[in-house]
Amino acid sequence: MFYHVKELQFNARVSKPDPRFASLLLEQFGGPNGELKAAMQYFTQAFAARQPYPDKYDMLMDIATEEFSHLEIVGATITMLLDGINGDLKNAAENSELMKFISGGKAEQEQMVHNVAINPQFFALSAGGPRLTDSQGTPWSGAYVTANGDLTVDLRSDIAAESRAKIVYEYLIQFTDDPYVKETLGFLMTREVSHFKMFSAALDTIEPNFPPGVLQADPRYSHLYFNMSNGTSARGAWNEGQGSWESGENWVYVGDPVDHVVQTEGMTKNHPIQGTKHTLEQTEQMNQTLSKQRSQEIKSASVSGVNQWSSYPQNTSASPKHAK
């Protein structure tokens, strides 16, 4: 159940209208890295987590709900930045941006044309409010949402989503001189960092969580780095040394990948296990063990007979096993 509280989580303010920046800010309203995308992604991911991982369901729903509140902050800011546009179209008020265009000089007219050219549909169709598009007028799409039903995968997607949203706010801050707008964007940017930390912490509570999913990597190929460039190749923690694995494992640098592929007949014959102490038999055993573990987590939360989503009142984050 959603209950709308009219007070914004952070009080959005603007010093003056700025249609140009309002158009840019649409990126965080209806863009692929915006607040609606984040809200719908976490909201959608939460359903699969409800019964097997009620604590993660609770977190995803909380953060999704906060993202909806951030969407409201962005929408409110856009509307205030467009203050007067609706009146311009209906009343042609003398102090409006539109009247400045009509009665102003060449400079004012050129600036207004520039503002509209950024996203002409925004000004032609919105009449003073945000639209579910990005700054170029591309409609919001459900294709922006990723929900794979595996928490180790979904949480990594969420960490990446928060990272992208954070950097967009960081860029947007450079395009406005309004101190109040900067303050609002700074708050929203900071909450992206907070959510990044929350998702990272939640991922750490799932053991094991690497590699994503259930099946382990094939040890014959998991530690190989192929030199796919001519000339001197850069070396670093991504292709030499132990990397971030457990003790006793390391990268294996394949300096001549063509020869390697030929000698192993496309890595299908006489391909040794290198860089890891795990054998194929151990890997298969890990696959079976983790498959049973993940399956049991899901099955133990499943019910026979009538199932229900909530109890009333809901005094725990866990869903009821069945209707009483």
Protein backbone atom coordinates (compact mmCIF):
# COMPACT_ATOMS: atom_id res chain seq x y z
CA MET A 1 0.00 0.00 0.00
CA PHE A 2 1.37 3.38 -0.97
CA TYR A 3 0.41 6.49 0.96
CA HIS A 4 1.34 9.85 -0.49
CA VAL A 5 2.74 12.42 1.91
CA LYS A 6 2.59 15.87 0.37
CA GLU A 7 5.80 17.13 1.97
CA LEU A 8 8.83 16.38 -0.19
CA GLN A 9 11.64 14.32 1.30
CA PHE A 10 13.93 17.24 0.38
CA ASN A 11 12.41 20.67 -0.15
CA ALA A 12 13.04 21.48 -3.81
CA ARG A 13 13.63 25.16 -4.57
CA VAL A 14 14.70 27.26 -7.56
CA SER A 15 15.88 30.87 -7.80
CA LYS A 16 14.25 31.56 -11.15
CA PRO A 17 12.79 29.77 -14.17
CA ASP A 18 15.27 28.03 -16.46
CA PRO A 19 13.59 26.13 -19.32
CA ARG A 20 16.94 25.05 -20.74
CA PHE A 21 18.01 23.28 -17.58
CA ALA A 22 14.50 21.88 -17.06
CA SER A 23 14.94 20.09 -20.37
CA LEU A 24 18.32 18.68 -19.30
CA LEU A 25 16.89 17.55 -15.96
CA LEU A 26 14.42 15.32 -17.79
CA GLU A 27 17.30 12.82 -17.91
CA GLN A 28 16.62 12.06 -14.26
CA PHE A 29 12.84 11.98 -14.69
CA GLY A 30 12.31 9.77 -17.73
CA GLY A 31 15.82 8.86 -18.84
CA PRO A 32 17.55 5.45 -18.75
CA ASN A 33 19.49 6.36 -15.60
CA GLY A 34 16.76 8.36 -13.91
CA GLU A 35 14.62 8.02 -10.82
CA LEU A 36 11.68 6.29 -12.51
CA LYS A 37 13.98 3.63 -13.93
CA ALA A 38 15.48 3.03 -10.48
CA ALA A 39 12.10 2.92 -8.75
CA MET A 40 10.64 0.45 -11.24
CA GLN A 41 13.77 -1.71 -11.27
CA TYR A 42 13.95 -2.20 -7.51
CA PHE A 43 10.16 -2.53 -7.28
CA THR A 44 10.16 -5.28 -9.91
CA GLN A 45 13.15 -7.11 -8.44
CA ALA A 46 11.54 -7.19 -5.02
CA PHE A 47 8.76 -9.61 -5.97
CA ALA A 48 11.07 -12.58 -6.56
CA ALA A 49 12.79 -11.88 -3.24
CA ARG A 50 9.60 -11.64 -1.16
CA GLN A 51 9.38 -15.19 0.17
CA PRO A 52 12.94 -16.57 0.04
CA TYR A 53 14.68 -13.34 1.10
CA PRO A 54 12.15 -11.19 2.99
CA ASP A 55 14.88 -8.93 4.38
CA LYS A 56 16.10 -8.09 0.86
CA TYR A 57 12.49 -7.63 -0.26
CA ASP A 58 12.06 -5.09 2.51
CA MET A 59 15.21 -3.23 1.46
CA LEU A 60 14.30 -3.21 -2.25
CA MET A 61 10.80 -1.92 -1.55
CA ASP A 62 12.11 0.76 0.80
CA ILE A 63 14.65 2.00 -1.73
CA ALA A 64 12.14 1.76 -4.60
CA THR A 65 9.72 3.88 -2.59
CA GLU A 66 12.44 6.42 -1.86
CA GLU A 67 13.22 6.56 -5.58
CA PHE A 68 9.58 7.45 -6.24
CA SER A 69 9.99 10.29 -3.75
CA HIS A 70 13.09 11.39 -5.64
CA LEU A 71 11.10 11.30 -8.87
CA GLU A 72 8.67 13.70 -7.21
CA ILE A 73 11.54 16.01 -6.24
CA VAL A 74 12.87 16.01 -9.80
CA GLY A 75 9.38 16.58 -11.23
CA ALA A 76 8.75 19.45 -8.80
CA THR A 77 12.08 21.04 -9.74
CA ILE A 78 11.35 20.75 -13.45
CA THR A 79 7.91 22.29 -12.96
CA MET A 80 9.34 25.24 -11.04
CA LEU A 81 12.05 25.72 -13.65
CA LEU A 82 9.25 25.95 -16.22
CA ASP A 83 7.25 28.41 -14.13
CA GLY A 84 5.31 30.69 -16.44
CA ILE A 85 5.40 28.42 -19.49
CA ASN A 86 1.82 27.22 -18.98
CA GLY A 87 0.72 30.81 -18.50
CA ASP A 88 2.69 31.82 -21.57
CA LEU A 89 0.73 29.42 -23.70
CA LYS A 90 -2.63 30.38 -22.23
CA ASN A 91 -2.35 34.03 -21.24
CA ALA A 92 0.84 35.37 -22.75
CA ALA A 93 1.70 37.14 -19.49
CA GLU A 94 3.98 40.11 -19.99
CA ASN A 95 6.68 38.83 -17.62
CA SER A 96 6.85 35.39 -19.24
CA GLU A 97 9.72 33.86 -21.15
CA LEU A 98 7.45 33.58 -24.19
CA MET A 99 6.65 37.29 -24.12
CA LYS A 100 10.35 38.06 -23.91
CA PHE A 101 10.75 36.06 -27.08
CA ILE A 102 7.88 37.83 -28.84
CA SER A 103 8.73 41.37 -27.79
CA GLY A 104 12.46 41.05 -27.12
CA GLY A 105 15.42 41.69 -29.29
CA LYS A 106 17.39 39.32 -31.46
CA ALA A 107 19.47 37.99 -28.57
CA GLU A 108 16.40 36.99 -26.53
CA GLN A 109 14.82 35.35 -29.58
CA GLU A 110 17.97 33.38 -30.39
CA GLN A 111 18.25 32.18 -26.79
CA MET A 112 14.63 31.04 -26.73
CA VAL A 113 15.08 29.20 -30.02
CA HIS A 114 18.16 27.54 -28.57
CA ASN A 115 16.24 26.45 -25.47
CA VAL A 116 13.39 24.97 -27.48
CA ALA A 117 15.75 23.27 -29.93
CA ILE A 118 17.14 21.11 -27.13
CA ASN A 119 13.86 19.19 -26.95
CA PRO A 120 11.09 20.90 -28.95
CA GLN A 121 8.39 18.38 -27.98
CA PHE A 122 8.98 19.14 -24.31
CA PHE A 123 7.86 22.74 -24.72
CA ALA A 124 5.24 22.02 -27.36
CA LEU A 125 3.45 19.26 -25.46
CA SER A 126 4.13 19.58 -21.74
CA ALA A 127 2.81 23.09 -21.11
CA GLY A 128 4.83 23.50 -17.96
CA GLY A 129 5.25 20.03 -16.49
CA PRO A 130 7.66 17.10 -16.85
CA ARG A 131 7.17 14.35 -19.40
CA LEU A 132 8.32 10.73 -19.27
CA THR A 133 11.18 11.25 -21.68
CA ASP A 134 14.89 11.91 -21.53
CA SER A 135 16.37 15.28 -22.42
CA GLN A 136 16.14 14.50 -26.14
CA GLY A 137 12.47 13.52 -26.05
CA THR A 138 12.99 9.75 -26.17
CA PRO A 139 10.07 8.12 -24.29
CA TRP A 140 10.75 6.20 -21.11
CA SER A 141 10.86 2.44 -21.66
CA GLY A 142 10.48 -0.63 -19.52
CA ALA A 143 13.53 -1.92 -21.38
CA TYR A 144 15.58 0.22 -18.98
CA VAL A 145 14.61 -2.12 -16.12
CA THR A 146 16.73 -5.18 -15.38
CA ALA A 147 15.34 -7.89 -13.10
CA ASN A 148 16.83 -11.36 -13.47
CA GLY A 149 15.32 -13.07 -10.42
CA ASP A 150 18.74 -13.87 -8.94
CA LEU A 151 19.72 -11.48 -6.16
CA THR A 152 23.46 -11.78 -6.83
CA VAL A 153 22.78 -10.58 -10.36
CA ASP A 154 20.10 -8.01 -9.53
CA LEU A 155 22.09 -6.37 -6.74
CA ARG A 156 25.08 -5.94 -9.06
CA SER A 157 22.75 -4.33 -11.60
CA ASP A 158 21.52 -2.01 -8.85
CA ILE A 159 25.04 -1.05 -7.81
CA ALA A 160 25.75 -0.15 -11.43
CA ALA A 161 22.46 1.76 -11.73
CA GLU A 162 23.26 3.89 -8.70
CA SER A 163 26.74 4.57 -10.09
CA ARG A 164 25.33 5.80 -13.40
CA ALA A 165 22.66 7.92 -11.74
CA LYS A 166 25.28 9.47 -9.46
CA ILE A 167 27.52 10.53 -12.33
CA VAL A 168 24.55 12.01 -14.27
CA TYR A 169 23.72 14.21 -11.27
CA GLU A 170 27.39 15.12 -11.03
CA TYR A 171 27.35 16.25 -14.66
CA LEU A 172 24.02 18.07 -14.33
CA ILE A 173 25.34 20.14 -11.43
CA GLN A 174 27.85 21.65 -13.86
CA PHE A 175 25.06 23.00 -16.08
CA THR A 176 23.24 25.18 -13.57
CA ASP A 177 24.25 28.25 -11.58
CA ASP A 178 21.14 28.14 -9.39
CA PRO A 179 22.34 27.49 -5.80
CA TYR A 180 18.99 26.01 -4.78
CA VAL A 181 18.96 23.61 -7.72
CA LYS A 182 22.56 22.64 -6.98
CA GLU A 183 21.55 21.92 -3.40
CA THR A 184 18.70 19.66 -4.54
CA LEU A 185 20.87 17.83 -7.04
CA GLY A 186 23.56 17.40 -4.39
CA PHE A 187 21.06 15.73 -2.08
CA LEU A 188 19.84 13.39 -4.82
CA MET A 189 23.41 12.57 -5.86
CA THR A 190 24.32 11.77 -2.26
CA ARG A 191 21.40 9.38 -1.89
CA GLU A 192 22.66 7.49 -4.96
CA VAL A 193 25.90 6.93 -3.04
CA SER A 194 23.92 5.79 0.01
CA HIS A 195 21.94 3.29 -2.05
CA PHE A 196 25.17 2.04 -3.67
CA LYS A 197 26.48 1.24 -0.18
CA MET A 198 23.21 -0.44 0.84
CA PHE A 199 23.16 -2.71 -2.19
CA SER A 200 26.85 -3.55 -1.72
CA ALA A 201 26.26 -4.45 1.92
CA ALA A 202 23.24 -6.60 1.00
CA LEU A 203 25.28 -8.45 -1.64
CA ASP A 204 27.95 -9.20 0.96
CA THR A 205 25.36 -11.00 3.12
CA ILE A 206 24.72 -13.57 0.38
CA GLU A 207 27.34 -16.33 0.54
CA PRO A 208 28.69 -17.37 -1.82
CA ASN A 209 27.92 -14.56 -4.25
CA PHE A 210 30.63 -15.05 -6.86
CA PRO A 211 30.33 -15.83 -9.66
CA PRO A 212 26.83 -14.40 -10.11
CA GLY A 213 24.13 -17.04 -10.33
CA VAL A 214 24.66 -20.70 -9.44
CA LEU A 215 27.06 -22.39 -11.89
CA GLN A 216 30.78 -22.02 -11.29
CA ALA A 217 33.27 -20.99 -13.96
CA ASP A 218 35.10 -23.72 -15.87
CA PRO A 219 38.59 -23.82 -14.29
CA ARG A 220 40.20 -24.52 -17.68
CA TYR A 221 39.29 -21.04 -18.91
CA SER A 222 38.46 -18.94 -15.85
CA HIS A 223 41.95 -17.54 -15.19
CA LEU A 224 43.17 -16.90 -18.73
CA TYR A 225 43.94 -13.42 -20.03
CA PHE A 226 44.27 -13.22 -23.81
CA ASN A 227 46.60 -10.62 -25.32
CA MET A 228 44.31 -9.44 -28.11
CA SER A 229 46.39 -6.41 -29.12
CA ASN A 230 49.57 -6.12 -31.14
CA GLY A 231 52.59 -4.33 -29.77
CA THR A 232 53.39 -3.97 -26.11
CA SER A 233 50.47 -5.05 -23.93
CA ALA A 234 49.61 -3.29 -20.69
CA ARG A 235 50.00 -5.38 -17.59
CA GLY A 236 48.23 -4.94 -14.28
CA ALA A 237 46.10 -6.57 -11.60
CA TRP A 238 43.63 -7.62 -14.30
CA ASN A 239 46.10 -9.90 -16.12
CA GLU A 240 48.97 -10.76 -13.78
CA GLY A 241 49.45 -11.84 -10.21
CA GLN A 242 46.86 -13.16 -7.84
CA GLY A 243 44.15 -10.64 -8.59
CA SER A 244 41.29 -10.61 -6.10
CA TRP A 245 40.98 -14.36 -5.60
CA GLU A 246 41.79 -16.66 -2.77
CA SER A 247 45.37 -17.62 -2.05
CA GLY A 248 46.95 -19.95 -4.59
CA GLU A 249 45.12 -18.61 -7.63
CA ASN A 250 46.49 -16.27 -10.27
CA TRP A 251 46.06 -14.93 -13.78
CA VAL A 252 47.62 -16.82 -16.70
CA TYR A 253 48.78 -14.49 -19.46
CA VAL A 254 48.36 -15.90 -22.98
CA GLY A 255 50.78 -13.81 -25.03
CA ASP A 256 50.02 -15.54 -28.36
CA PRO A 257 46.31 -16.41 -28.38
CA VAL A 258 46.38 -17.62 -32.01
CA ASP A 259 49.01 -20.23 -31.23
CA HIS A 260 47.19 -21.17 -28.05
CA VAL A 261 43.93 -21.77 -29.90
CA VAL A 262 45.65 -23.78 -32.64
CA GLN A 263 47.60 -25.95 -30.21
CA THR A 264 44.50 -26.79 -28.20
CA GLU A 265 42.22 -27.16 -31.24
CA GLY A 266 40.00 -24.34 -30.18
CA MET A 267 40.63 -25.03 -26.49
CA THR A 268 38.81 -28.35 -26.73
CA LYS A 269 41.74 -30.76 -26.45
CA ASN A 270 44.72 -31.03 -24.13
CA HIS A 271 43.78 -27.80 -22.44
CA PRO A 272 45.37 -27.71 -18.98
CA ILE A 273 43.88 -26.15 -15.90
CA GLN A 274 46.06 -23.18 -15.02
CA GLY A 275 45.94 -20.42 -12.44
CA THR A 276 43.58 -22.24 -10.06
CA LYS A 277 43.72 -25.18 -7.71
CA HIS A 278 40.14 -26.21 -8.49
CA THR A 279 39.58 -29.29 -10.62
CA LEU A 280 36.68 -30.04 -12.95
CA GLU A 281 35.38 -32.56 -10.42
CA GLN A 282 35.47 -29.98 -7.62
CA THR A 283 33.73 -27.45 -9.83
CA GLU A 284 30.93 -29.88 -10.64
CA GLN A 285 30.54 -30.67 -6.96
CA MET A 286 30.31 -26.93 -6.18
CA ASN A 287 27.67 -26.60 -8.91
CA GLN A 288 25.57 -29.33 -7.32
CA THR A 289 26.04 -28.02 -3.78
CA LEU A 290 25.13 -24.44 -4.62
CA SER A 291 22.24 -25.53 -6.84
CA LYS A 292 20.76 -27.48 -3.94
CA GLN A 293 21.36 -24.59 -1.55
CA ARG A 294 19.67 -21.99 -3.76
CA SER A 295 16.85 -24.36 -4.63
CA GLN A 296 16.25 -25.13 -0.97
CA GLU A 297 16.12 -21.41 -0.15
CA ILE A 298 13.31 -21.01 -2.68
CA LYS A 299 11.46 -24.21 -1.85
CA SER A 300 11.55 -23.64 1.90
CA ALA A 301 9.66 -20.39 1.34
CA SER A 302 7.08 -22.00 -0.95
CA VAL A 303 3.75 -23.17 0.37
CA SER A 304 1.18 -25.76 -0.51
CA GLY A 305 -2.44 -24.81 -0.66
CA VAL A 306 -3.66 -21.24 -0.35
CA ASN A 307 -0.89 -18.67 -0.28
CA GLN A 308 -1.17 -15.04 0.74
CA TRP A 309 1.17 -12.11 0.39
CA SER A 310 0.57 -10.29 3.68
CA SER A 311 -0.88 -10.66 7.11
CA TYR A 312 -2.90 -7.88 8.74
CA PRO A 313 -1.39 -6.09 10.48
CA GLN A 314 2.02 -6.84 8.98
CA ASN A 315 4.31 -6.99 12.02
CA THR A 316 7.27 -8.70 10.36
CA SER A 317 9.18 -8.35 7.11
CA ALA A 318 8.51 -12.02 6.37
CA SER A 319 5.41 -12.96 4.40
CA PRO A 320 2.94 -15.45 5.93
CA LYS A 321 3.42 -19.03 4.85
CA HIS A 322 -0.22 -19.54 4.05
CA ALA A 323 -3.65 -18.20 4.70
CA LYS A 324 -5.04 -18.98 8.14
